[in-house]
C-alpha cells in the first residue's frame, strides 16, 4: 500500500454508526482503515481466562469485521502492547493521520500521550473527539469555571445545556465510500490471546419504550425487568449515547438522569484522578478498616446470612451483572457492616462485572463508603433486612439466587445489624476526627 491512509483507532466505541472519530476520519481526505488493539497491558493481568468482557468485545469485533467486509473494507485487529503495535503499523502502512475518541481513565490517558508523541515524532496527526459522553471534561462547569463536586447542581446545569445540537448524530453512513478497499485481514483468535469463548448471550443494544416509561416506578425491584442492562453496551460503545439520550429525553427523565450521572463520574475522574486509588474526600483515607479476609470471602461468595446481599453477590458471580439497587446494598454492607475497605469491594466488582466502568464503579463505591462526592453520610447504614422487605417483598429475587433460603443449610447473619451499625458509626467518627 503506497497511498497515505487514515487509521481510526476503535476503543470504547465499537460501532460504525454515529461514531465521532470514524466520522472525522472518513472526512479526512484519506482512505480509512479501522483498527482495534487487544491490549496486553489490560488483558494479560485478567485472572479469568473466560472473561465475559473479552468475549463480548471479541464478538463485537467479529461483527464489525463482517459489516466492513460486506463493503470490501479491511479491519486491522492486533494483539499486543499499544506502543509496539503502533510501531509495527507505522512500518507497514503509510499513515497520514490517526483518529480516535477521548478516554478518561488514567491508564488510557497515559497510553494516548505515548502514542501521540510517537506519531508526532513522525509528523502524523493524532486527533481525539468526544464520543462516549454527552458533555465531557470542561463542558459543564460552575460559574467560576471549576468542576462540580456535587451532583445536583451539576445535573441542573447539564439538563440546561442539553439540546438538539448536543445530541446530534454523526452521519457516518454518508461517507462509507471513503473507507480503504482491500482484502480481509487476519483476526487473532481468543485462544491465541489466552482466552476461552463464553457460551452466554448478552443483552441487546436497545431499550424498549415500555421499559423506559415504567423505569422510574420499576427500577428498584430486582425481581422485575425494570432496568435496561445497557451498561455493557455503553461501556464498549456498541450503542450511541446520543441516540439513547434522545430516546430517554422523550420518555423518561429518570433514565436520562442516569446518563447524567455517567457524565458526572467521567468528569470527576478526569478532574480528580486521585479517586482511582484514594478517597475523593481524603480524610476518609484515615478510616481504620477491619479488613477481615474470611469475612470478605463470605461476602464475595454470598454467604453473609443476609439474603438480599447474598442474592446480589450470587447473581454477580453467576452472570457478571447485578441489579443496581442491590449493588448499593451489597456495597454498603461491605463497608459499613463489615468495615472492609471500599477498594476491596471495588476491585472485586471490577473483576466480575461485565459492564465494569472505572468511573461509575468508583463513584458508586465511594458513595456507599461515604468518601465520595455525593456520598451517603457515614451514619447512614442500610438495613439489608428492611431493604429486602421494601424492594423484594415476596422474596422472588432472593429465592431465585438462594435455593436453600429458609433451610438449615443457609447461614445465620454473620453480624447483628444494630451492633454493626453502631460499630461503623463509632469507627468512622474516630477516623474522621481532626
Protein backbone atom coordinates (compact mmCIF):
# COMPACT_ATOMS: atom_id res chain seq x y z
CA UNK A 1 0.00 0.00 0.00
CA UNK A 2 1.61 3.26 -1.14
CA UNK A 3 -1.12 5.90 -0.84
CA UNK A 4 -1.47 7.63 2.57
CA UNK A 5 -4.26 6.35 4.81
CA UNK A 6 -6.06 7.50 7.93
CA UNK A 7 -6.42 4.99 10.74
CA UNK A 8 -9.43 5.15 13.04
CA UNK A 9 -8.48 3.53 16.33
CA UNK A 10 -11.54 1.95 17.96
CA UNK A 11 -11.54 1.51 21.74
CA UNK A 12 -14.72 2.23 23.71
CA UNK A 13 -16.73 2.95 20.56
CA UNK A 14 -17.26 -0.39 18.84
CA UNK A 15 -19.82 0.60 16.23
CA UNK A 16 -19.90 2.13 12.75
CA UNK A 17 -22.90 4.43 13.11
CA UNK A 18 -22.93 7.80 14.90
CA UNK A 19 -19.26 7.47 15.81
CA UNK A 20 -17.30 10.71 16.15
CA UNK A 21 -13.76 9.52 15.39
CA UNK A 22 -14.94 7.47 12.44
CA UNK A 23 -16.89 10.43 11.08
CA UNK A 24 -13.87 12.74 11.25
CA UNK A 25 -11.60 10.07 9.83
CA UNK A 26 -13.90 9.45 6.85
CA UNK A 27 -13.86 13.19 6.13
CA UNK A 28 -10.08 13.49 6.43
CA UNK A 29 -9.31 13.16 2.73
CA UNK A 30 -7.50 9.84 3.07
CA UNK A 31 -8.89 6.30 2.79
CA UNK A 32 -9.79 4.97 6.24
CA UNK A 33 -8.71 1.71 7.85
CA UNK A 34 -10.37 0.85 11.20
CA UNK A 35 -8.10 -0.57 13.91
CA UNK A 36 -8.72 -2.39 17.17
CA UNK A 37 -5.94 -3.43 19.56
CA UNK A 38 -6.43 -6.19 22.09
CA UNK A 39 -4.24 -4.51 24.68
CA UNK A 40 -1.95 -6.94 26.50
CA UNK A 41 -1.41 -4.45 29.30
CA UNK A 42 -5.13 -4.76 30.09
CA UNK A 43 -5.76 -8.38 29.14
CA UNK A 44 -2.73 -10.22 30.47
CA UNK A 45 -3.39 -9.40 34.18
CA UNK A 46 -7.01 -10.66 33.99
CA UNK A 47 -7.48 -13.67 36.25
CA UNK A 48 -10.44 -15.22 34.46
CA UNK A 49 -9.49 -16.73 31.11
CA UNK A 50 -13.21 -16.89 30.27
CA UNK A 51 -13.74 -13.19 30.93
CA UNK A 52 -17.16 -12.07 29.76
CA UNK A 53 -15.92 -8.62 28.72
CA UNK A 54 -13.23 -10.05 26.47
CA UNK A 55 -15.78 -12.42 24.94
CA UNK A 56 -18.19 -9.53 24.36
CA UNK A 57 -15.52 -7.37 22.73
CA UNK A 58 -14.37 -10.25 20.54
CA UNK A 59 -17.93 -10.97 19.44
CA UNK A 60 -18.39 -7.30 18.51
CA UNK A 61 -15.10 -7.17 16.59
CA UNK A 62 -16.17 -10.22 14.58
CA UNK A 63 -19.48 -8.46 13.85
CA UNK A 64 -17.75 -5.23 12.78
CA UNK A 65 -15.35 -7.14 10.50
CA UNK A 66 -18.32 -8.80 8.84
CA UNK A 67 -20.07 -5.45 8.34
CA UNK A 68 -16.93 -3.94 6.85
CA UNK A 69 -16.17 -7.00 4.70
CA UNK A 70 -19.55 -6.63 3.01
CA UNK A 71 -18.31 -3.23 1.80
CA UNK A 72 -14.90 -4.63 0.78
CA UNK A 73 -13.25 -2.86 3.72
CA UNK A 74 -10.48 -4.48 5.82
CA UNK A 75 -10.22 -4.11 9.59
CA UNK A 76 -6.91 -4.20 11.42
CA UNK A 77 -7.08 -6.26 14.62
CA UNK A 78 -3.87 -6.70 16.60
CA UNK A 79 -2.90 -8.18 19.95
CA UNK A 80 -0.03 -6.61 21.86
CA UNK A 81 1.18 -3.59 23.79
CA UNK A 82 -0.23 -0.49 22.04
CA UNK A 83 3.14 1.21 21.55
CA UNK A 84 4.58 -1.97 20.00
CA UNK A 85 1.55 -2.40 17.75
CA UNK A 86 1.78 1.20 16.57
CA UNK A 87 5.50 0.95 15.81
CA UNK A 88 4.76 -2.10 13.69
CA UNK A 89 1.82 -0.45 11.92
CA UNK A 90 3.94 2.57 11.01
CA UNK A 91 6.35 0.21 9.28
CA UNK A 92 3.54 -1.47 7.36
CA UNK A 93 1.28 1.43 6.37
CA UNK A 94 1.81 4.99 5.09
CA UNK A 95 -0.22 6.58 7.89
CA UNK A 96 -1.16 10.21 7.36
CA UNK A 97 -3.47 10.78 10.35
CA UNK A 98 -4.93 8.88 13.28
CA UNK A 99 -8.41 9.48 14.69
CA UNK A 100 -9.80 8.18 17.96
CA UNK A 101 -12.15 9.18 20.78
CA UNK A 102 -11.43 10.57 24.25
CA UNK A 103 -10.95 8.24 27.16
CA UNK A 104 -10.98 9.42 30.77
CA UNK A 105 -9.19 6.72 32.72
CA UNK A 106 -5.65 7.31 33.96
CA UNK A 107 -4.10 4.41 32.08
CA UNK A 108 -5.88 5.37 28.85
CA UNK A 109 -4.73 8.99 29.05
CA UNK A 110 -1.15 7.94 29.72
CA UNK A 111 -1.31 5.49 26.80
CA UNK A 112 -2.63 8.17 24.47
CA UNK A 113 0.17 10.57 25.40
CA UNK A 114 2.74 7.91 24.48
CA UNK A 115 1.06 7.18 21.14
CA UNK A 116 0.54 10.87 20.38
CA UNK A 117 4.25 11.54 20.93
CA UNK A 118 5.23 8.54 18.82
CA UNK A 119 3.08 9.77 15.94
CA UNK A 120 4.12 13.41 16.38
CA UNK A 121 7.77 12.45 16.00
CA UNK A 122 6.89 11.09 12.57
CA UNK A 123 4.77 14.05 11.55
CA UNK A 124 1.46 12.19 11.92
CA UNK A 125 -1.56 13.91 13.44
CA UNK A 126 -3.38 12.32 16.40
CA UNK A 127 -6.96 13.63 16.68
CA UNK A 128 -9.36 12.75 19.51
CA UNK A 129 -13.07 13.50 19.79
CA UNK A 130 -15.80 13.34 22.38
CA UNK A 131 -17.98 10.31 21.79
CA UNK A 132 -18.83 8.28 24.91
CA UNK A 133 -20.23 11.22 26.89
CA UNK A 134 -22.88 13.83 26.17
CA UNK A 135 -20.82 16.51 27.90
CA UNK A 136 -17.27 15.88 29.00
CA UNK A 137 -14.28 17.38 30.77
CA UNK A 138 -14.68 21.17 30.58
CA UNK A 139 -18.19 21.41 29.14
CA UNK A 140 -20.23 21.52 32.37
CA UNK A 141 -18.55 23.86 34.85
CA UNK A 142 -19.59 26.15 37.67
CA UNK A 143 -19.90 29.91 37.19
CA UNK A 144 -16.27 30.14 38.36
CA UNK A 145 -15.21 27.70 35.61
CA UNK A 146 -14.37 24.97 38.11
CA UNK A 147 -15.63 21.37 38.05
CA UNK A 148 -18.70 20.46 40.04
CA UNK A 149 -18.20 18.19 43.01
CA UNK A 150 -21.88 17.78 43.90
CA UNK A 151 -24.27 16.06 41.53
CA UNK A 152 -27.45 18.13 41.99
CA UNK A 153 -26.07 21.48 40.73
CA UNK A 154 -24.09 19.60 38.06
CA UNK A 155 -27.25 17.89 36.83
CA UNK A 156 -29.15 21.15 36.82
CA UNK A 157 -26.55 22.73 34.53
CA UNK A 158 -26.28 19.53 32.45
CA UNK A 159 -30.01 19.48 31.74
CA UNK A 160 -29.99 23.21 30.97
CA UNK A 161 -27.29 22.71 28.35
CA UNK A 162 -28.92 19.66 26.78
CA UNK A 163 -30.39 20.46 23.37
CA UNK A 164 -30.82 19.04 19.89
CA UNK A 165 -27.32 20.12 18.86
CA UNK A 166 -25.61 18.33 21.75
CA UNK A 167 -27.50 15.14 20.86
CA UNK A 168 -26.94 15.37 17.11
CA UNK A 169 -25.66 12.18 15.49
CA UNK A 170 -22.57 11.91 13.32
CA UNK A 171 -23.76 10.78 9.84
CA UNK A 172 -21.00 8.26 9.16
CA UNK A 173 -23.20 6.45 6.65
CA UNK A 174 -22.86 9.31 4.16
CA UNK A 175 -19.11 8.77 3.84
CA UNK A 176 -18.65 4.99 3.64
CA UNK A 177 -17.15 5.38 0.16
CA UNK A 178 -14.10 6.86 1.88
CA UNK A 179 -13.11 3.59 3.53
CA UNK A 180 -9.99 1.88 2.24
CA UNK A 181 -10.83 -1.07 -0.02
CA UNK A 182 -8.72 -4.21 0.31
CA UNK A 183 -8.87 -7.91 1.10
CA UNK A 184 -9.81 -9.02 4.62
CA UNK A 185 -7.02 -9.09 7.19
CA UNK A 186 -6.35 -11.90 9.70
CA UNK A 187 -8.02 -11.92 13.11
CA UNK A 188 -6.26 -13.33 16.18
CA UNK A 189 -8.32 -15.98 17.94
CA UNK A 190 -9.37 -15.83 21.56
CA UNK A 191 -7.26 -18.90 22.21
CA UNK A 192 -4.18 -17.24 20.71
CA UNK A 193 -4.66 -14.44 23.23
CA UNK A 194 -5.02 -16.93 26.08
CA UNK A 195 -8.81 -16.73 26.49
CA UNK A 196 -11.69 -19.13 26.05
CA UNK A 197 -15.09 -18.48 24.44
CA UNK A 198 -18.06 -17.75 26.72
CA UNK A 199 -21.23 -19.58 25.85
CA UNK A 200 -23.56 -16.85 27.08
CA UNK A 201 -25.88 -14.38 25.44
CA UNK A 202 -25.63 -10.66 26.10
CA UNK A 203 -28.39 -8.03 26.35
CA UNK A 204 -29.35 -6.49 23.05
CA UNK A 205 -28.15 -2.92 22.37
CA UNK A 206 -31.56 -1.30 22.66
CA UNK A 207 -34.15 -0.42 25.27
CA UNK A 208 -37.92 -0.80 24.90
CA UNK A 209 -40.15 2.23 25.17
CA UNK A 210 -42.37 0.36 27.62
CA UNK A 211 -39.42 -0.25 29.95
CA UNK A 212 -38.42 3.41 29.82
CA UNK A 213 -41.97 4.55 30.57
CA UNK A 214 -42.07 2.30 33.66
CA UNK A 215 -38.44 2.91 34.60
CA UNK A 216 -38.99 5.30 37.50
CA UNK A 217 -41.58 3.01 39.06
CA UNK A 218 -39.91 -0.36 38.48
CA UNK A 219 -36.13 0.21 38.51
CA UNK A 220 -35.65 -0.53 42.22
CA UNK A 221 -37.21 -4.02 42.23
CA UNK A 222 -34.60 -6.68 41.37
CA UNK A 223 -37.15 -9.42 40.69
CA UNK A 224 -38.63 -7.32 37.88
CA UNK A 225 -37.27 -6.47 34.45
CA UNK A 226 -37.14 -2.80 35.30
CA UNK A 227 -33.64 -1.78 34.22
CA UNK A 228 -32.14 -1.63 30.75
CA UNK A 229 -28.96 -3.70 31.33
CA UNK A 230 -27.32 -1.48 28.70
CA UNK A 231 -24.23 -0.91 30.83
CA UNK A 232 -22.06 -3.27 28.78
CA UNK A 233 -23.10 -1.52 25.54
CA UNK A 234 -22.38 1.91 26.97
CA UNK A 235 -19.06 0.67 28.35
CA UNK A 236 -17.84 -0.54 24.97
CA UNK A 237 -19.72 1.87 22.75
CA UNK A 238 -21.87 -0.64 20.92
CA UNK A 239 -24.75 1.80 21.36
CA UNK A 240 -24.73 5.54 20.73
CA UNK A 241 -25.07 7.60 23.90
CA UNK A 242 -26.63 10.38 21.83
CA UNK A 243 -29.33 8.12 20.37
CA UNK A 244 -30.08 6.72 23.81
CA UNK A 245 -30.29 10.18 25.37
CA UNK A 246 -32.69 11.36 22.65
CA UNK A 247 -34.91 8.37 23.35
CA UNK A 248 -34.78 8.97 27.10
CA UNK A 249 -35.48 12.69 26.73
CA UNK A 250 -38.78 11.83 25.09
CA UNK A 251 -39.75 9.06 27.50
CA UNK A 252 -38.06 9.04 30.91
CA UNK A 253 -36.45 11.91 32.77
CA UNK A 254 -35.30 9.44 35.44
CA UNK A 255 -33.43 7.34 32.90
CA UNK A 256 -31.96 10.47 31.31
CA UNK A 257 -30.70 11.47 34.75
CA UNK A 258 -28.84 8.16 34.97
CA UNK A 259 -26.96 9.17 31.82
CA UNK A 260 -26.22 12.47 33.52
CA UNK A 261 -24.71 10.57 36.47
CA UNK A 262 -22.50 8.75 33.98
CA UNK A 263 -21.16 12.03 32.58
CA UNK A 264 -20.69 13.35 36.12
CA UNK A 265 -18.49 10.43 37.13
CA UNK A 266 -16.45 10.80 33.93
CA UNK A 267 -15.67 14.41 34.77
CA UNK A 268 -14.92 13.59 38.42
CA UNK A 269 -12.35 11.02 37.30
CA UNK A 270 -10.88 13.48 34.81
CA UNK A 271 -10.54 16.41 37.20
CA UNK A 272 -9.79 14.43 40.35
CA UNK A 273 -7.72 11.43 39.22
CA UNK A 274 -6.69 10.67 42.80
CA UNK A 275 -10.10 8.98 43.23
CA UNK A 276 -8.82 5.96 41.33
CA UNK A 277 -6.74 4.92 44.35
CA UNK A 278 -7.82 7.26 47.17
CA UNK A 279 -10.97 8.65 48.70
CA UNK A 280 -12.39 11.73 47.00
CA UNK A 281 -12.60 13.22 50.48
CA UNK A 282 -9.04 12.49 51.53
CA UNK A 283 -9.87 12.45 55.24
CA UNK A 284 -11.73 9.18 54.64
CA UNK A 285 -8.41 7.50 53.91
CA UNK A 286 -7.97 7.62 57.70
CA UNK A 287 -10.81 5.17 58.42
CA UNK A 288 -9.31 2.21 60.34
CA UNK A 289 -10.82 -0.62 58.28
CA UNK A 290 -11.04 -4.08 59.86
CA UNK A 291 -10.32 -5.86 56.52
CA UNK A 292 -11.06 -9.37 57.78
CA UNK A 293 -10.21 -11.69 54.87
CA UNK A 294 -12.52 -14.50 55.98
CA UNK A 295 -15.47 -12.11 56.20
CA UNK A 296 -14.57 -10.66 52.81
CA UNK A 297 -14.64 -14.16 51.31
CA UNK A 298 -18.11 -14.77 52.78
CA UNK A 299 -19.29 -11.51 51.21
CA UNK A 300 -17.75 -12.45 47.85
CA UNK A 301 -19.42 -15.86 47.78
CA UNK A 302 -22.83 -14.73 49.06
CA UNK A 303 -22.69 -16.39 52.48
CA UNK A 304 -23.28 -13.45 54.83
CA UNK A 305 -26.65 -14.65 56.12
CA UNK A 306 -28.35 -11.51 54.81
CA UNK A 307 -30.47 -12.81 51.90
CA UNK A 308 -30.60 -9.70 49.72
CA UNK A 309 -26.82 -9.21 50.00
CA UNK A 310 -26.16 -12.87 49.25
CA UNK A 311 -28.59 -12.97 46.33
CA UNK A 312 -26.86 -9.99 44.78
CA UNK A 313 -23.37 -11.45 45.13
CA UNK A 314 -24.51 -14.78 43.71
CA UNK A 315 -26.15 -13.03 40.78
CA UNK A 316 -22.89 -11.17 40.15
CA UNK A 317 -20.78 -14.31 40.31
CA UNK A 318 -23.12 -16.29 38.08
CA UNK A 319 -23.92 -13.68 35.43
CA UNK A 320 -21.40 -10.82 35.63
CA UNK A 321 -24.24 -8.43 36.40
CA UNK A 322 -26.07 -7.25 39.50
CA UNK A 323 -29.21 -5.16 39.84
CA UNK A 324 -28.38 -1.51 40.56
CA UNK A 325 -30.33 -1.24 43.81
CA UNK A 326 -28.65 -4.39 45.08
CA UNK A 327 -25.21 -3.04 44.14
CA UNK A 328 -25.82 -0.21 46.61
CA UNK A 329 -26.92 -2.60 49.36
CA UNK A 330 -24.06 -5.07 48.92
CA UNK A 331 -21.51 -2.24 48.81
CA UNK A 332 -22.91 -0.60 51.91
CA UNK A 333 -22.87 -3.92 53.75
CA UNK A 334 -19.19 -4.50 52.99
CA UNK A 335 -18.10 -1.01 54.01
CA UNK A 336 -20.40 -0.38 56.95
CA UNK A 337 -21.38 -3.76 58.40
CA UNK A 338 -18.00 -5.45 57.90
CA UNK A 339 -15.80 -2.34 57.89
CA UNK A 340 -13.85 -3.59 54.87
CA UNK A 341 -12.10 -1.03 52.70
CA UNK A 342 -14.26 0.05 49.78
CA UNK A 343 -11.29 -0.52 47.47
CA UNK A 344 -11.53 -4.27 48.15
CA UNK A 345 -15.14 -4.30 47.00
CA UNK A 346 -14.46 -2.02 44.08
CA UNK A 347 -11.69 -4.34 42.88
CA UNK A 348 -13.95 -7.39 43.20
CA UNK A 349 -16.67 -5.70 41.15
CA UNK A 350 -14.01 -4.72 38.61
CA UNK A 351 -13.12 -8.39 38.23
CA UNK A 352 -16.67 -9.65 37.95
CA UNK A 353 -18.89 -7.01 36.32
CA UNK A 354 -19.42 -7.41 32.60
CA UNK A 355 -20.34 -3.71 32.46
CA UNK A 356 -17.43 -2.57 34.66
CA UNK A 357 -16.62 1.08 34.08
CA UNK A 358 -13.97 2.57 36.34
CA UNK A 359 -15.57 5.98 36.81
CA UNK A 360 -19.06 4.70 37.66
CA UNK A 361 -17.80 1.77 39.73
CA UNK A 362 -15.51 4.07 41.70
CA UNK A 363 -18.23 6.66 42.15
CA UNK A 364 -20.74 4.10 43.38
CA UNK A 365 -18.36 2.52 45.85
CA UNK A 366 -17.21 5.85 47.24
CA UNK A 367 -20.86 6.85 47.61
CA UNK A 368 -21.52 3.70 49.62
CA UNK A 369 -18.43 4.23 51.78
CA UNK A 370 -19.26 7.88 52.44
CA UNK A 371 -15.98 9.08 50.93
CA UNK A 372 -17.17 10.32 47.55
CA UNK A 373 -18.73 13.41 46.00
CA UNK A 374 -22.43 12.91 46.74
CA UNK A 375 -21.71 10.35 49.40
CA UNK A 376 -24.14 8.76 51.79
CA UNK A 377 -23.21 10.24 55.20
CA UNK A 378 -21.24 7.82 57.33
CA UNK A 379 -24.08 7.49 59.83
CA UNK A 380 -26.44 6.22 57.10
CA UNK A 381 -26.21 2.44 57.22
CA UNK A 382 -28.61 0.43 55.06
CA UNK A 383 -30.59 -2.23 56.91
CA UNK A 384 -30.45 -5.17 54.45
CA UNK A 385 -33.49 -6.81 56.01
CA UNK A 386 -35.67 -3.73 55.62
CA UNK A 387 -34.31 -3.20 52.09
CA UNK A 388 -35.38 -6.74 51.21
CA UNK A 389 -38.85 -6.18 52.66
CA UNK A 390 -39.21 -2.99 50.64
CA UNK A 391 -37.74 -3.98 47.28
CA UNK A 392 -38.23 -7.76 47.20
CA UNK A 393 -41.40 -8.06 49.33
CA UNK A 394 -42.34 -11.52 48.02
CA UNK A 395 -38.78 -12.82 48.19
CA UNK A 396 -38.78 -13.70 44.49
CA UNK A 397 -35.31 -12.37 43.78
CA UNK A 398 -33.91 -13.93 46.95
CA UNK A 399 -35.36 -17.38 46.23
CA UNK A 400 -34.10 -17.28 42.65
CA UNK A 401 -30.48 -16.91 43.76
CA UNK A 402 -30.62 -18.67 47.14
CA UNK A 403 -32.38 -22.03 46.65
CA UNK A 404 -31.50 -23.05 50.22
CA UNK A 405 -33.16 -19.94 51.68
CA UNK A 406 -35.25 -20.76 54.76
CA UNK A 407 -33.45 -24.10 55.17
CA UNK A 408 -30.95 -25.21 57.81
CA UNK A 409 -28.12 -25.03 55.27
CA UNK A 410 -28.47 -21.27 54.88
CA UNK A 411 -26.14 -19.44 57.32
CA UNK A 412 -27.29 -17.22 60.14
CA UNK A 413 -26.42 -13.50 59.82
CA UNK A 414 -22.67 -13.13 60.27
CA UNK A 415 -23.10 -9.89 62.23
CA UNK A 416 -26.00 -8.28 64.06
CA UNK A 417 -27.28 -5.23 62.20
CA UNK A 418 -27.70 -2.96 65.23
CA UNK A 419 -24.24 -3.86 66.51
CA UNK A 420 -22.64 -3.40 63.09
CA UNK A 421 -24.36 -0.07 62.55
CA UNK A 422 -23.11 1.38 65.83
CA UNK A 423 -19.63 -0.04 65.28
CA UNK A 424 -19.47 1.60 61.86
CA UNK A 425 -20.61 4.98 63.19
CA UNK A 426 -18.10 4.85 66.03
CA UNK A 427 -15.24 3.76 63.75
CA UNK A 428 -15.95 6.44 61.17
CA UNK A 429 -16.26 9.09 63.86
CA UNK A 430 -12.86 8.18 65.28
CA UNK A 431 -11.22 8.06 61.86
CA UNK A 432 -12.62 11.44 60.83
CA UNK A 433 -11.60 13.33 63.93
CA UNK A 434 -9.49 16.39 63.01
